[in-house]
């Protein structure tokens, strides 16, 4: 199941904090979709350390980051619901 988090209006470091707090509670079969106003480069090494995979794309001038547990198929692959 997709969880959504919109941090576009928050000032640093609050977006990073909110993302990490949400991931602490993320069930293994779920993923997080984050809407951000900029690309959060410091987040990526933390995700790797925490055991998550991610994909990032720009859409309509906002950064969209999908985050899921490493070892699970990415959202949209067979076996995952969107």
Protein backbone atom coordinates (compact mmCIF):
# COMPACT_ATOMS: atom_id res chain seq x y z
CA UNK A 1 0.00 0.00 0.00
CA UNK A 2 1.21 3.48 -0.79
CA UNK A 3 1.69 6.00 2.00
CA UNK A 4 2.00 9.64 0.94
CA UNK A 5 4.00 12.44 2.50
CA UNK A 6 4.06 16.03 1.23
CA UNK A 7 7.02 18.03 2.57
CA UNK A 8 7.13 20.73 -0.13
CA UNK A 9 6.22 23.58 2.20
CA UNK A 10 8.55 22.62 5.07
CA UNK A 11 11.93 24.21 5.75
CA UNK A 12 15.06 22.06 6.20
CA UNK A 13 15.74 19.93 8.15
CA UNK A 14 12.06 19.19 8.82
CA UNK A 15 11.43 17.32 5.51
CA UNK A 16 14.27 14.91 6.22
CA UNK A 17 13.08 14.39 9.80
CA UNK A 18 9.50 13.70 8.70
CA UNK A 19 10.60 11.22 6.04
CA UNK A 20 12.80 9.31 8.48
CA UNK A 21 10.05 9.25 11.14
CA UNK A 22 7.57 7.87 8.62
CA UNK A 23 10.00 5.19 7.44
CA UNK A 24 10.51 3.93 11.00
CA UNK A 25 6.87 2.79 10.97
CA UNK A 26 6.66 1.64 7.32
CA UNK A 27 5.34 -1.95 7.06
CA UNK A 28 7.49 -4.23 4.92
CA UNK A 29 4.92 -4.53 2.12
CA UNK A 30 4.25 -0.80 1.88
CA UNK A 31 6.10 2.07 0.23
CA UNK A 32 6.31 5.80 0.74
CA UNK A 33 5.65 8.42 -1.93
CA UNK A 34 7.24 11.76 -1.00
CA UNK A 35 6.49 15.08 -2.70
CA UNK A 36 9.41 17.45 -2.18
CA UNK A 37 10.33 20.90 -3.49
CA UNK A 38 13.99 19.92 -4.00
CA UNK A 39 16.03 16.76 -4.37
CA UNK A 40 17.09 15.62 -0.88
CA UNK A 41 20.60 14.35 -1.59
CA UNK A 42 21.50 13.80 2.12
CA UNK A 43 18.55 11.40 2.39
CA UNK A 44 19.93 8.85 -0.06
CA UNK A 45 22.86 7.59 2.01
CA UNK A 46 20.58 7.34 5.05
CA UNK A 47 18.10 5.28 3.07
CA UNK A 48 20.84 2.89 2.02
CA UNK A 49 22.01 2.51 5.64
CA UNK A 50 18.43 1.89 6.81
CA UNK A 51 17.81 -0.83 4.22
CA UNK A 52 15.64 1.01 1.72
CA UNK A 53 15.67 1.39 -2.05
CA UNK A 54 14.24 4.39 -3.86
CA UNK A 55 13.59 6.05 -7.18
CA UNK A 56 13.44 9.77 -7.84
CA UNK A 57 11.86 11.72 -10.68
CA UNK A 58 10.89 15.31 -11.35
CA UNK A 59 7.27 15.92 -12.27
CA UNK A 60 5.59 19.32 -12.66
CA UNK A 61 8.48 21.11 -10.90
CA UNK A 62 8.40 18.86 -7.84
CA UNK A 63 10.62 16.00 -6.80
CA UNK A 64 8.78 12.68 -6.37
CA UNK A 65 10.61 10.02 -4.36
CA UNK A 66 9.32 6.46 -4.01
CA UNK A 67 10.90 4.59 -1.10
CA UNK A 68 10.50 0.88 -0.36
CA UNK A 69 12.23 -1.83 1.67
CA UNK A 70 15.32 -3.23 -0.05
CA UNK A 71 14.73 -6.76 -1.30
CA UNK A 72 11.10 -6.04 -2.14
CA UNK A 73 10.08 -5.33 -5.71
CA UNK A 74 9.76 -1.63 -6.52
CA UNK A 75 6.23 -0.20 -6.61
CA UNK A 76 4.62 -1.09 -9.91
CA UNK A 77 6.44 -4.41 -10.35
CA UNK A 78 4.44 -7.61 -10.40
CA UNK A 79 3.30 -8.58 -6.95
CA UNK A 80 2.99 -4.97 -5.77
CA UNK A 81 -0.22 -2.96 -5.69
CA UNK A 82 -0.26 0.65 -6.82
